[in-house]
Amino acid sequence: MSKYEPLWKYLKENKKDNYKLSYQEIRNILGFDIDHSFLTYKKESKEYGYEVGKISMKEKTIIFNKI
């Protein structure tokens, strides 16, 4: 089980086409801050029907798109 699985399940269960989540919202879902390892784990989101779109360091947001 991946440490990011709660995030992937959140995306899948809420069934939206697109999400724009702030780092804080992601922290609330996961219980910890995302770190550089997210870049390695982001490919797991495809197993749940989503892909990671734009990661904005400036806005501190991540866009997820349904595939």
N, C-alpha and C. Protein backbone atom coordinates (compact mmCIF):
# COMPACT_ATOMS: atom_id res chain seq x y z
N MET A 1 0.84 -1.19 0.00
CA MET A 1 0.00 0.00 0.00
C MET A 1 0.89 1.25 0.00
N SER A 2 0.59 2.15 -0.88
CA SER A 2 1.32 3.39 -1.02
C SER A 2 0.89 4.38 0.06
N LYS A 3 1.81 5.23 0.48
CA LYS A 3 1.46 6.26 1.45
C LYS A 3 0.49 7.29 0.85
N TYR A 4 0.39 7.31 -0.47
CA TYR A 4 -0.51 8.26 -1.14
C TYR A 4 -1.87 7.64 -1.49
N GLU A 5 -2.08 6.40 -1.13
CA GLU A 5 -3.35 5.73 -1.47
C GLU A 5 -4.59 6.48 -0.96
N PRO A 6 -4.58 7.06 0.24
CA PRO A 6 -5.77 7.82 0.66
C PRO A 6 -6.12 8.96 -0.31
N LEU A 7 -5.13 9.57 -0.90
CA LEU A 7 -5.38 10.63 -1.88
C LEU A 7 -6.00 10.06 -3.14
N TRP A 8 -5.46 8.96 -3.63
CA TRP A 8 -6.01 8.35 -4.85
C TRP A 8 -7.45 7.89 -4.61
N LYS A 9 -7.72 7.33 -3.46
CA LYS A 9 -9.09 6.89 -3.13
C LYS A 9 -10.03 8.08 -3.04
N TYR A 10 -9.55 9.18 -2.48
CA TYR A 10 -10.35 10.39 -2.39
C TYR A 10 -10.78 10.85 -3.78
N LEU A 11 -9.83 10.88 -4.71
CA LEU A 11 -10.14 11.30 -6.07
C LEU A 11 -11.18 10.38 -6.69
N LYS A 12 -10.97 9.08 -6.56
CA LYS A 12 -11.86 8.10 -7.18
C LYS A 12 -13.26 8.14 -6.57
N GLU A 13 -13.36 8.24 -5.26
CA GLU A 13 -14.65 8.21 -4.59
C GLU A 13 -15.50 9.44 -4.85
N ASN A 14 -14.87 10.59 -5.09
CA ASN A 14 -15.62 11.82 -5.32
C ASN A 14 -16.00 12.02 -6.78
N LYS A 15 -15.43 11.25 -7.66
CA LYS A 15 -15.84 11.12 -9.07
C LYS A 15 -15.97 12.43 -9.83
N LYS A 16 -15.10 13.38 -9.57
CA LYS A 16 -15.11 14.61 -10.36
C LYS A 16 -14.19 14.42 -11.57
N ASP A 17 -14.46 15.17 -12.62
CA ASP A 17 -13.61 15.09 -13.81
C ASP A 17 -12.24 15.71 -13.57
N ASN A 18 -12.22 16.80 -12.83
CA ASN A 18 -10.98 17.52 -12.56
C ASN A 18 -10.96 18.01 -11.12
N TYR A 19 -9.80 18.02 -10.55
CA TYR A 19 -9.59 18.55 -9.22
C TYR A 19 -8.43 19.54 -9.28
N LYS A 20 -8.55 20.58 -8.49
CA LYS A 20 -7.43 21.47 -8.24
C LYS A 20 -7.33 21.56 -6.72
N LEU A 21 -6.40 20.80 -6.18
CA LEU A 21 -6.26 20.71 -4.74
C LEU A 21 -5.03 21.48 -4.28
N SER A 22 -5.20 22.20 -3.19
CA SER A 22 -4.06 22.90 -2.61
C SER A 22 -3.23 21.90 -1.81
N TYR A 23 -1.99 22.29 -1.54
CA TYR A 23 -1.14 21.44 -0.71
C TYR A 23 -1.79 21.19 0.65
N GLN A 24 -2.48 22.21 1.17
CA GLN A 24 -3.14 22.08 2.48
C GLN A 24 -4.28 21.07 2.40
N GLU A 25 -5.08 21.11 1.33
CA GLU A 25 -6.16 20.13 1.17
C GLU A 25 -5.60 18.71 1.08
N ILE A 26 -4.51 18.57 0.37
CA ILE A 26 -3.87 17.26 0.25
C ILE A 26 -3.34 16.82 1.62
N ARG A 27 -2.77 17.75 2.36
CA ARG A 27 -2.31 17.43 3.71
C ARG A 27 -3.46 16.96 4.59
N ASN A 28 -4.62 17.60 4.46
CA ASN A 28 -5.80 17.21 5.24
C ASN A 28 -6.26 15.80 4.88
N ILE A 29 -6.16 15.43 3.62
CA ILE A 29 -6.56 14.10 3.17
C ILE A 29 -5.56 13.05 3.64
N LEU A 30 -4.27 13.35 3.51
CA LEU A 30 -3.23 12.37 3.80
C LEU A 30 -2.80 12.33 5.27
N GLY A 31 -2.86 13.48 5.92
CA GLY A 31 -2.37 13.57 7.28
C GLY A 31 -0.90 13.94 7.36
N PHE A 32 -0.30 14.25 6.22
CA PHE A 32 1.10 14.69 6.18
C PHE A 32 1.30 15.55 4.93
N ASP A 33 2.38 16.33 4.94
CA ASP A 33 2.71 17.17 3.79
C ASP A 33 3.30 16.32 2.67
N ILE A 34 2.96 16.68 1.43
CA ILE A 34 3.60 15.99 0.31
C ILE A 34 5.05 16.43 0.23
N ASP A 35 5.87 15.57 -0.33
CA ASP A 35 7.29 15.90 -0.48
C ASP A 35 7.75 15.47 -1.86
N HIS A 36 9.05 15.50 -2.09
CA HIS A 36 9.59 15.18 -3.42
C HIS A 36 9.23 13.76 -3.87
N SER A 37 8.94 12.86 -2.94
CA SER A 37 8.59 11.49 -3.32
C SER A 37 7.27 11.44 -4.10
N PHE A 38 6.46 12.49 -3.98
CA PHE A 38 5.20 12.54 -4.73
C PHE A 38 5.45 12.36 -6.21
N LEU A 39 6.54 12.89 -6.71
CA LEU A 39 6.86 12.78 -8.13
C LEU A 39 7.04 11.33 -8.56
N THR A 40 7.54 10.51 -7.67
CA THR A 40 7.70 9.08 -7.95
C THR A 40 6.36 8.36 -7.89
N TYR A 41 5.55 8.71 -6.90
CA TYR A 41 4.29 8.01 -6.67
C TYR A 41 3.13 8.49 -7.54
N LYS A 42 3.28 9.63 -8.20
CA LYS A 42 2.15 10.20 -8.94
C LYS A 42 1.63 9.28 -10.03
N LYS A 43 2.46 8.39 -10.55
CA LYS A 43 2.00 7.46 -11.59
C LYS A 43 0.95 6.49 -11.05
N GLU A 44 0.91 6.28 -9.74
CA GLU A 44 -0.09 5.39 -9.14
C GLU A 44 -1.51 5.90 -9.34
N SER A 45 -1.67 7.20 -9.53
CA SER A 45 -3.00 7.77 -9.67
C SER A 45 -3.73 7.20 -10.88
N LYS A 46 -2.99 6.75 -11.87
CA LYS A 46 -3.62 6.18 -13.08
C LYS A 46 -4.39 4.91 -12.76
N GLU A 47 -3.95 4.16 -11.76
CA GLU A 47 -4.66 2.96 -11.34
C GLU A 47 -6.05 3.29 -10.78
N TYR A 48 -6.24 4.53 -10.39
CA TYR A 48 -7.51 4.99 -9.82
C TYR A 48 -8.29 5.87 -10.80
N GLY A 49 -7.81 5.94 -12.03
CA GLY A 49 -8.52 6.67 -13.07
C GLY A 49 -8.17 8.13 -13.22
N TYR A 50 -7.07 8.57 -12.63
CA TYR A 50 -6.67 9.98 -12.70
C TYR A 50 -5.21 10.10 -13.07
N GLU A 51 -4.88 11.25 -13.65
CA GLU A 51 -3.48 11.55 -13.90
C GLU A 51 -3.17 12.90 -13.27
N VAL A 52 -1.93 13.05 -12.88
CA VAL A 52 -1.49 14.30 -12.29
C VAL A 52 -1.20 15.27 -13.42
N GLY A 53 -1.86 16.42 -13.38
CA GLY A 53 -1.62 17.45 -14.38
C GLY A 53 -0.55 18.40 -13.88
N LYS A 54 -0.88 19.66 -13.86
CA LYS A 54 0.09 20.70 -13.47
C LYS A 54 0.30 20.71 -11.96
N ILE A 55 1.56 20.78 -11.60
CA ILE A 55 1.96 20.98 -10.21
C ILE A 55 2.50 22.40 -10.12
N SER A 56 1.81 23.26 -9.38
CA SER A 56 2.24 24.65 -9.27
C SER A 56 2.88 24.90 -7.91
N MET A 57 4.18 25.12 -7.95
CA MET A 57 4.90 25.44 -6.72
C MET A 57 4.53 26.84 -6.24
N LYS A 58 4.25 27.73 -7.18
CA LYS A 58 3.92 29.11 -6.83
C LYS A 58 2.56 29.18 -6.13
N GLU A 59 1.54 28.54 -6.74
CA GLU A 59 0.20 28.56 -6.16
C GLU A 59 0.01 27.51 -5.07
N LYS A 60 0.95 26.57 -4.99
CA LYS A 60 0.88 25.44 -4.06
C LYS A 60 -0.38 24.63 -4.30
N THR A 61 -0.57 24.26 -5.58
CA THR A 61 -1.71 23.45 -5.98
C THR A 61 -1.27 22.33 -6.93
N ILE A 62 -2.11 21.32 -7.02
CA ILE A 62 -1.90 20.23 -7.98
C ILE A 62 -3.22 19.99 -8.68
N ILE A 63 -3.17 19.86 -10.00
CA ILE A 63 -4.35 19.56 -10.78
C ILE A 63 -4.35 18.07 -11.12
N PHE A 64 -5.50 17.44 -10.92
CA PHE A 64 -5.70 16.03 -11.26
C PHE A 64 -6.80 15.96 -12.29
N ASN A 65 -6.60 15.16 -13.33
CA ASN A 65 -7.57 15.01 -14.41
C ASN A 65 -8.00 13.56 -14.54
N LYS A 66 -9.31 13.37 -14.72
CA LYS A 66 -9.83 12.02 -14.93
C LYS A 66 -9.39 11.53 -16.31
N ILE A 67 -8.99 10.27 -16.39
CA ILE A 67 -8.57 9.71 -17.69
C ILE A 67 -9.58 8.71 -18.19
